[in-house]
C-alpha atoms as a PDB file:
ATOM      1  CA  MET A   1       6.798 -12.753  -0.550  1.00  0.00           C
ATOM      2  CA  SER A   2       9.635 -11.725  -2.766  1.00  0.00           C
ATOM      3  CA  ASN A   3      13.292 -12.629  -2.577  1.00  0.00           C
ATOM      4  CA  ASN A   4      15.705  -9.758  -2.045  1.00  0.00           C
ATOM      5  CA  SER A   5      18.799  -9.735  -4.193  1.00  0.00           C
ATOM      6  CA  VAL A   6      22.195  -8.788  -2.811  1.00  0.00           C
ATOM      7  CA  SER A   7      22.105  -5.433  -4.615  1.00  0.00           C
ATOM      8  CA  GLU A   8      18.945  -4.248  -2.812  1.00  0.00           C
ATOM      9  CA  THR A   9      18.758  -2.319   0.413  1.00  0.00           C
ATOM     10  CA  ILE A  10      15.594  -1.957   2.475  1.00  0.00           C
ATOM     11  CA  ILE A  11      15.222   1.728   3.253  1.00  0.00           C
ATOM     12  CA  ASP A  12      11.756   1.541   4.817  1.00  0.00           C
ATOM     13  CA  LEU A  13       9.836  -1.421   6.271  1.00  0.00           C
ATOM     14  CA  THR A  14       6.373  -1.152   7.767  1.00  0.00           C
ATOM     15  CA  ASP A  15       4.956  -4.409   9.110  1.00  0.00           C
ATOM     16  CA  PHE A  16       2.302  -2.958  11.487  1.00  0.00           C
ATOM     17  CA  ASN A  17       3.391  -5.414  14.217  1.00  0.00           C
ATOM     18  CA  ASP A  18       3.894  -2.562  16.694  1.00  0.00           C
ATOM     19  CA  LYS A  19       0.357  -1.293  15.938  1.00  0.00           C
ATOM     20  CA  THR A  20       1.668   1.908  14.341  1.00  0.00           C
ATOM     21  CA  TYR A  21       1.766   3.196  10.789  1.00  0.00           C
ATOM     22  CA  ASN A  22       5.554   3.820  10.961  1.00  0.00           C
ATOM     23  CA  GLY A  23       5.173   7.341   9.605  1.00  0.00           C
ATOM     24  CA  TRP A  24       2.519   6.522   6.980  1.00  0.00           C
ATOM     25  CA  GLU A  25      -0.436   8.902   7.194  1.00  0.00           C
ATOM     26  CA  SER A  26      -3.958   7.663   6.687  1.00  0.00           C
ATOM     27  CA  GLY A  27      -5.927   9.798   4.239  1.00  0.00           C
ATOM     28  CA  PRO A  28      -9.686  10.061   3.787  1.00  0.00           C
ATOM     29  CA  ALA A  29      -9.922   6.754   1.934  1.00  0.00           C
ATOM     30  CA  GLY A  30      -7.895   5.027   4.669  1.00  0.00           C
ATOM     31  CA  SER A  31      -9.778   6.432   7.607  1.00  0.00           C
ATOM     32  CA  GLN A  32     -11.372   3.068   8.342  1.00  0.00           C
ATOM     33  CA  PHE A  33      -8.150   1.057   8.881  1.00  0.00           C
ATOM     34  CA  GLU A  34      -8.100  -1.242  11.898  1.00  0.00           C
ATOM     35  CA  PHE A  35      -5.237  -3.295  13.333  1.00  0.00           C
ATOM     36  CA  VAL A  36      -5.930  -7.038  13.331  1.00  0.00           C
ATOM     37  CA  GLY A  37      -3.801  -9.520  15.258  1.00  0.00           C
ATOM     38  CA  ALA A  38      -2.637 -12.742  13.579  1.00  0.00           C
ATOM     39  CA  ASP A  39       0.264 -15.155  14.038  1.00  0.00           C
ATOM     40  CA  GLY A  40       1.894 -13.039  16.755  1.00  0.00           C
ATOM     41  CA  GLY A  41       1.818  -9.845  14.692  1.00  0.00           C
ATOM     42  CA  PHE A  42      -0.619  -7.398  13.151  1.00  0.00           C
ATOM     43  CA  TYR A  43      -1.873  -6.259   9.758  1.00  0.00           C
ATOM     44  CA  ILE A  44      -4.240  -3.459   8.817  1.00  0.00           C
ATOM     45  CA  PHE A  45      -7.768  -4.096   7.614  1.00  0.00           C
ATOM     46  CA  SER A  46      -9.812  -1.674   5.519  1.00  0.00           C
ATOM     47  CA  ASN A  47     -13.532  -2.276   5.300  1.00  0.00           C
ATOM     48  CA  MET A  48     -15.661   0.417   3.756  1.00  0.00           C
ATOM     49  CA  THR A  49     -19.405   0.075   3.982  1.00  0.00           C
ATOM     50  CA  GLU A  50     -21.409  -0.111   0.785  1.00  0.00           C
ATOM     51  CA  ASN A  51     -22.540   3.504   1.173  1.00  0.00           C
ATOM     52  CA  GLN A  52     -19.066   4.946   1.670  1.00  0.00           C
ATOM     53  CA  GLN A  53     -17.685   6.475  -1.509  1.00  0.00           C
ATOM     54  CA  LEU A  54     -14.476   7.863  -0.040  1.00  0.00           C
ATOM     55  CA  SER A  55     -11.769   8.776  -2.485  1.00  0.00           C
ATOM     56  CA  GLY A  56      -8.174   9.889  -2.202  1.00  0.00           C
ATOM     57  CA  ASN A  57      -5.223   8.529  -0.277  1.00  0.00           C
ATOM     58  CA  TYR A  58      -5.412   5.297   1.638  1.00  0.00           C
ATOM     59  CA  LEU A  59      -1.888   5.910   2.944  1.00  0.00           C
ATOM     60  CA  LYS A  60       0.950   8.304   2.127  1.00  0.00           C
ATOM     61  CA  LYS A  61       4.519   8.779   3.306  1.00  0.00           C
ATOM     62  CA  GLU A  62       7.414  10.975   2.317  1.00  0.00           C
ATOM     63  CA  ILE A  63      10.781   9.214   2.202  1.00  0.00           C
ATOM     64  CA  ILE A  64      14.343  10.438   1.753  1.00  0.00           C
ATOM     65  CA  THR A  65      15.685   9.475  -1.674  1.00  0.00           C
ATOM     66  CA  GLU A  66      18.639  10.157  -3.926  1.00  0.00           C
ATOM     67  CA  PRO A  67      17.709  11.805  -7.247  1.00  0.00           C
ATOM     68  CA  GLY A  68      18.283   9.490 -10.199  1.00  0.00           C
ATOM     69  CA  CYS A  69      18.350   6.306  -8.084  1.00  0.00           C
ATOM     70  CA  ARG A  70      15.966   3.430  -8.692  1.00  0.00           C
ATOM     71  CA  TYR A  71      13.642   2.246  -5.926  1.00  0.00           C
ATOM     72  CA  GLU A  72      10.892  -0.339  -5.609  1.00  0.00           C
ATOM     73  CA  LEU A  73       7.732  -0.205  -3.544  1.00  0.00           C
ATOM     74  CA  GLU A  74       6.415  -3.576  -2.374  1.00  0.00           C
ATOM     75  CA  VAL A  75       2.991  -4.057  -0.803  1.00  0.00           C
ATOM     76  CA  VAL A  76       1.785  -7.394   0.568  1.00  0.00           C
ATOM     77  CA  ALA A  77      -2.023  -7.372   0.523  1.00  0.00           C
ATOM     78  CA  ARG A  78      -5.112  -9.516   0.108  1.00  0.00           C
ATOM     79  CA  ALA A  79      -8.829  -9.034  -0.386  1.00  0.00           C
ATOM     80  CA  SER A  80     -10.877  -8.908   2.798  1.00  0.00           C
ATOM     81  CA  ALA A  81     -13.665 -11.408   3.055  1.00  0.00           C
ATOM     82  CA  VAL A  82     -16.673  -9.140   2.629  1.00  0.00           C
ATOM     83  CA  GLU A  83     -19.563 -10.968   1.000  1.00  0.00           C
ATOM     84  CA  GLY A  84     -21.099  -9.456  -2.098  1.00  0.00           C
ATOM     85  CA  ARG A  85     -18.336  -6.904  -2.680  1.00  0.00           C
ATOM     86  CA  GLY A  86     -16.338  -6.468  -5.848  1.00  0.00           C
ATOM     87  CA  PRO A  87     -12.553  -6.429  -5.984  1.00  0.00           C
ATOM     88  CA  ALA A  88     -10.533  -3.833  -4.135  1.00  0.00           C
ATOM     89  CA  GLY A  89      -8.170  -1.496  -5.926  1.00  0.00           C
ATOM     90  CA  ILE A  90      -4.988   0.318  -4.929  1.00  0.00           C
ATOM     91  CA  GLN A  91      -3.371   2.864  -7.226  1.00  0.00           C
ATOM     92  CA  TYR A  92       0.330   3.497  -6.553  1.00  0.00           C
ATOM     93  CA  PHE A  93       2.023   6.886  -6.977  1.00  0.00           C
ATOM     94  CA  ALA A  94       5.621   7.960  -6.375  1.00  0.00           C
ATOM     95  CA  ALA A  95       6.669  11.590  -6.838  1.00  0.00           C
ATOM     96  CA  GLY A  96       3.309  12.264  -8.479  1.00  0.00           C
ATOM     97  CA  GLU A  97       3.826   9.592 -11.144  1.00  0.00           C
ATOM     98  CA  ASP A  98       1.082   6.987 -11.592  1.00  0.00           C
ATOM     99  CA  LEU A  99       2.933   3.679 -11.235  1.00  0.00           C
ATOM    100  CA  PHE A 100       0.261   0.974 -11.296  1.00  0.00           C
ATOM    101  CA  ILE A 101      -3.289  -0.008 -10.325  1.00  0.00           C
ATOM    102  CA  ASP A 102      -3.449  -3.276  -8.388  1.00  0.00           C
ATOM    103  CA  ILE A 103      -6.781  -5.096  -8.412  1.00  0.00           C
ATOM    104  CA  ILE A 104      -6.949  -7.215  -5.271  1.00  0.00           C
ATOM    105  CA  ASP A 105      -9.416 -10.077  -5.464  1.00  0.00           C
ATOM    106  CA  GLY A 106      -7.686 -13.053  -3.830  1.00  0.00           C
ATOM    107  CA  ALA A 107      -8.006 -14.199  -0.218  1.00  0.00           C
ATOM    108  CA  ALA A 108      -4.336 -15.280  -0.052  1.00  0.00           C
ATOM    109  CA  TRP A 109      -1.550 -12.788   0.679  1.00  0.00           C
ATOM    110  CA  GLY A 110       0.024 -11.560  -2.534  1.00  0.00           C
ATOM    111  CA  SER A 111       3.008  -9.322  -3.173  1.00  0.00           C
ATOM    112  CA  LEU A 112       3.239  -6.540  -5.743  1.00  0.00           C
ATOM    113  CA  ARG A 113       6.454  -4.637  -6.461  1.00  0.00           C
ATOM    114  CA  VAL A 114       6.514  -1.493  -8.557  1.00  0.00           C
ATOM    115  CA  PRO A 115       9.704   0.364  -9.529  1.00  0.00           C
ATOM    116  CA  PHE A 116      10.217   4.109  -9.581  1.00  0.00           C
ATOM    117  CA  THR A 117      13.112   6.503 -10.017  1.00  0.00           C
ATOM    118  CA  ALA A 118      13.561   9.331  -7.537  1.00  0.00           C
ATOM    119  CA  THR A 119      13.694  12.830  -9.003  1.00  0.00           C
ATOM    120  CA  THR A 120      14.222  14.728  -5.733  1.00  0.00           C
ATOM    121  CA  GLU A 121      15.720  14.213  -2.271  1.00  0.00           C
ATOM    122  CA  ARG A 122      12.264  13.646  -0.775  1.00  0.00           C
ATOM    123  CA  THR A 123       9.721  11.463  -2.536  1.00  0.00           C
ATOM    124  CA  LEU A 124       6.042  11.198  -1.676  1.00  0.00           C
ATOM    125  CA  ILE A 125       4.682   7.638  -1.906  1.00  0.00           C
ATOM    126  CA  GLU A 126       0.900   7.297  -2.087  1.00  0.00           C
ATOM    127  CA  LEU A 127      -1.481   4.353  -1.999  1.00  0.00           C
ATOM    128  CA  TYR A 128      -4.671   5.751  -3.478  1.00  0.00           C
ATOM    129  CA  LYS A 129      -8.231   4.698  -4.238  1.00  0.00           C
ATOM    130  CA  PRO A 130      -8.226   4.367  -8.061  1.00  0.00           C
ATOM    131  CA  LYS A 131      -9.730   7.299  -9.883  1.00  0.00           C
ATOM    132  CA  THR A 132     -10.430   5.235 -12.996  1.00  0.00           C
ATOM    133  CA  ASN A 133     -13.225   3.083 -11.573  1.00  0.00           C
ATOM    134  CA  PRO A 134     -15.365   4.205  -8.630  1.00  0.00           C
ATOM    135  CA  ASP A 135     -16.742   0.666  -8.266  1.00  0.00           C
ATOM    136  CA  TYR A 136     -13.492  -0.666  -6.800  1.00  0.00           C
ATOM    137  CA  THR A 137     -14.033  -1.290  -3.112  1.00  0.00           C
ATOM    138  CA  ALA A 138     -11.643  -0.617  -0.264  1.00  0.00           C
ATOM    139  CA  ASN A 139     -12.050  -4.009   1.348  1.00  0.00           C
ATOM    140  CA  PHE A 140      -8.490  -5.239   1.715  1.00  0.00           C
ATOM    141  CA  ASP A 141      -5.792  -6.117   4.232  1.00  0.00           C
ATOM    142  CA  ILE A 142      -2.173  -4.917   4.110  1.00  0.00           C
ATOM    143  CA  ASN A 143       0.502  -6.972   5.856  1.00  0.00           C
ATOM    144  CA  THR A 144       3.667  -5.060   4.942  1.00  0.00           C
ATOM    145  CA  ILE A 145       4.877  -2.086   2.934  1.00  0.00           C
ATOM    146  CA  THR A 146       8.571  -2.124   2.020  1.00  0.00           C
ATOM    147  CA  ILE A 147      10.655   0.336   0.017  1.00  0.00           C
ATOM    148  CA  PHE A 148      13.871  -0.980  -1.509  1.00  0.00           C
ATOM    149  CA  ARG A 149      16.739   0.884  -3.094  1.00  0.00           C
ATOM    150  CA  SER A 150      18.060  -1.101  -6.052  1.00  0.00           C
END
């Protein structure tokens, strides 16, 4: 998990502990999410079968932003234990801009933070199945999604 500096403000926190998506919408590539209970809370689990070749959004959400301000998207995720499967991949977009592709291959929870600058008063955030490599699986868990304003 990351340390928040004094100059950051959390503007959106989704921890799945109430068994909701907190306004995130599941797209075609996220249609298989399940809530899993652990340590008194919940996370979401995505397990696509070998024959599923779904593409598109895992999750998407529109947030209120201030044009010209810097934000960071943080996702805490890990690879699901699915034998014989390659690494999972999540491609991050904000306001249509490709921010980063995260290759998830570890069983321990890991945190990734990607910055973006808002260009409008409403910004669409998307977690997407990478277009660059169809072999990436969708076998991963997400514990939290947080959006900070720097």
